[in-house]
Amino acid sequence: MKDVHKIFTTFKKDFPDICKRHEALGKDIHERSGPLPEKTRWLIKVAISGASGHLLALETHIVRSREAGATEDEIKQALLLLIQTTGFPTFMEAYTVYKNLG
């Protein structure tokens, strides 16, 4: 999988051992921790990263959601769910990231 952000490529180069362990844990949690289908897991990550304001992660999760087959309407719904939980300004920040990705 191609890195979405150059800084992650730099992180992998600067800290290869830590990166390997980080990616192994992520893969274990993402792929082997339960029954949710891949697309659903990525949509949940879209909502979590949007809600928490982790905008680099949000970009990555939007890209990965698309790669896993999520439709634009599904991604937008995951973002709309932020409004009642974390507020309209949080949604707008996340929606801006989504729109800027094209």
Protein backbone atom coordinates (compact mmCIF):
# COMPACT_ATOMS: atom_id res chain seq x y z
CA MET A 1 0.00 0.00 0.00
CA LYS A 2 1.38 3.40 -0.97
CA ASP A 3 1.83 5.94 1.81
CA VAL A 4 -0.73 8.73 1.67
CA HIS A 5 1.57 11.23 3.42
CA LYS A 6 5.27 11.89 2.83
CA ILE A 7 5.81 12.33 6.56
CA PHE A 8 4.84 8.70 7.12
CA THR A 9 7.41 7.65 4.53
CA THR A 10 9.96 9.71 6.46
CA PHE A 11 8.85 8.15 9.76
CA LYS A 12 9.37 4.66 8.29
CA LYS A 13 12.87 5.61 7.19
CA ASP A 14 13.84 7.30 10.46
CA PHE A 15 12.31 4.70 12.80
CA PRO A 16 12.11 1.40 10.91
CA ASP A 17 11.85 -0.89 13.94
CA ILE A 18 9.15 1.17 15.65
CA CYS A 19 7.26 1.46 12.37
CA LYS A 20 7.31 -2.32 11.83
CA ARG A 21 5.90 -2.92 15.31
CA HIS A 22 3.31 -0.16 14.87
CA GLU A 23 2.17 -1.56 11.53
CA ALA A 24 2.06 -5.13 12.89
CA LEU A 25 -0.20 -4.04 15.76
CA GLY A 26 -2.40 -2.04 13.39
CA LYS A 27 -2.72 -4.98 11.02
CA ASP A 28 -3.52 -7.33 13.88
CA ILE A 29 -6.25 -5.04 15.23
CA HIS A 30 -7.64 -4.06 11.83
CA GLU A 31 -7.69 -7.50 10.23
CA ARG A 32 -7.94 -10.06 13.02
CA SER A 33 -9.76 -8.52 15.98
CA GLY A 34 -13.33 -9.21 14.93
CA PRO A 35 -15.92 -9.89 12.26
CA LEU A 36 -16.47 -6.44 10.73
CA PRO A 37 -15.89 -6.29 6.97
CA GLU A 38 -12.97 -4.20 5.72
CA LYS A 39 -15.07 -1.38 4.27
CA THR A 40 -16.94 -0.99 7.55
CA ARG A 41 -13.68 -0.91 9.53
CA TRP A 42 -12.34 1.91 7.35
CA LEU A 43 -15.59 3.89 7.62
CA ILE A 44 -15.41 3.60 11.41
CA LYS A 45 -11.84 4.90 11.23
CA VAL A 46 -13.08 7.82 9.10
CA ALA A 47 -15.55 8.73 11.83
CA ILE A 48 -13.07 8.27 14.68
CA SER A 49 -10.32 10.31 13.05
CA GLY A 50 -12.78 13.01 12.03
CA ALA A 51 -14.26 13.17 15.52
CA SER A 52 -10.87 13.37 17.18
CA GLY A 53 -9.50 16.00 14.82
CA HIS A 54 -6.66 13.82 13.56
CA LEU A 55 -6.75 15.26 10.07
CA LEU A 56 -3.75 13.39 8.61
CA ALA A 57 -5.32 10.13 9.78
CA LEU A 58 -8.66 11.25 8.36
CA GLU A 59 -7.12 11.75 4.92
CA THR A 60 -5.54 8.30 5.08
CA HIS A 61 -8.77 6.66 6.22
CA ILE A 62 -10.82 8.33 3.49
CA VAL A 63 -8.36 7.07 0.86
CA ARG A 64 -8.34 3.56 2.36
CA SER A 65 -12.16 3.57 2.60
CA ARG A 66 -12.39 4.29 -1.10
CA GLU A 67 -9.87 1.55 -1.86
CA ALA A 68 -12.00 -0.86 0.23
CA GLY A 69 -15.07 -0.04 -1.87
CA ALA A 70 -16.82 2.62 0.21
CA THR A 71 -18.98 4.93 -1.84
CA GLU A 72 -18.83 8.69 -1.53
CA ASP A 73 -22.29 8.62 0.06
CA GLU A 74 -21.07 6.14 2.70
CA ILE A 75 -18.05 8.29 3.52
CA LYS A 76 -20.21 11.41 3.74
CA GLN A 77 -22.64 9.63 6.05
CA ALA A 78 -19.77 8.57 8.32
CA LEU A 79 -18.78 12.23 8.50
CA LEU A 80 -22.36 13.50 9.01
CA LEU A 81 -22.62 11.26 12.07
CA LEU A 82 -20.12 13.61 13.72
CA ILE A 83 -22.61 16.49 13.90
CA GLN A 84 -24.75 15.15 16.75
CA THR A 85 -21.86 13.55 18.62
CA THR A 86 -18.97 16.01 18.38
CA GLY A 87 -20.58 19.12 16.93
CA PHE A 88 -20.98 20.96 13.67
CA PRO A 89 -17.54 22.67 13.71
CA THR A 90 -15.83 19.28 14.03
CA PHE A 91 -17.90 17.97 11.13
CA MET A 92 -17.00 21.00 9.03
CA GLU A 93 -13.28 20.47 9.62
CA ALA A 94 -13.59 16.81 8.65
CA TYR A 95 -15.80 17.63 5.67
CA THR A 96 -13.24 20.18 4.48
CA VAL A 97 -10.58 17.46 4.49
CA TYR A 98 -12.93 15.19 2.53
CA LYS A 99 -13.74 17.86 -0.06
CA ASN A 100 -10.07 18.83 -0.47
CA LEU A 101 -9.17 15.22 -1.28
CA GLY A 102 -11.54 15.39 -4.26
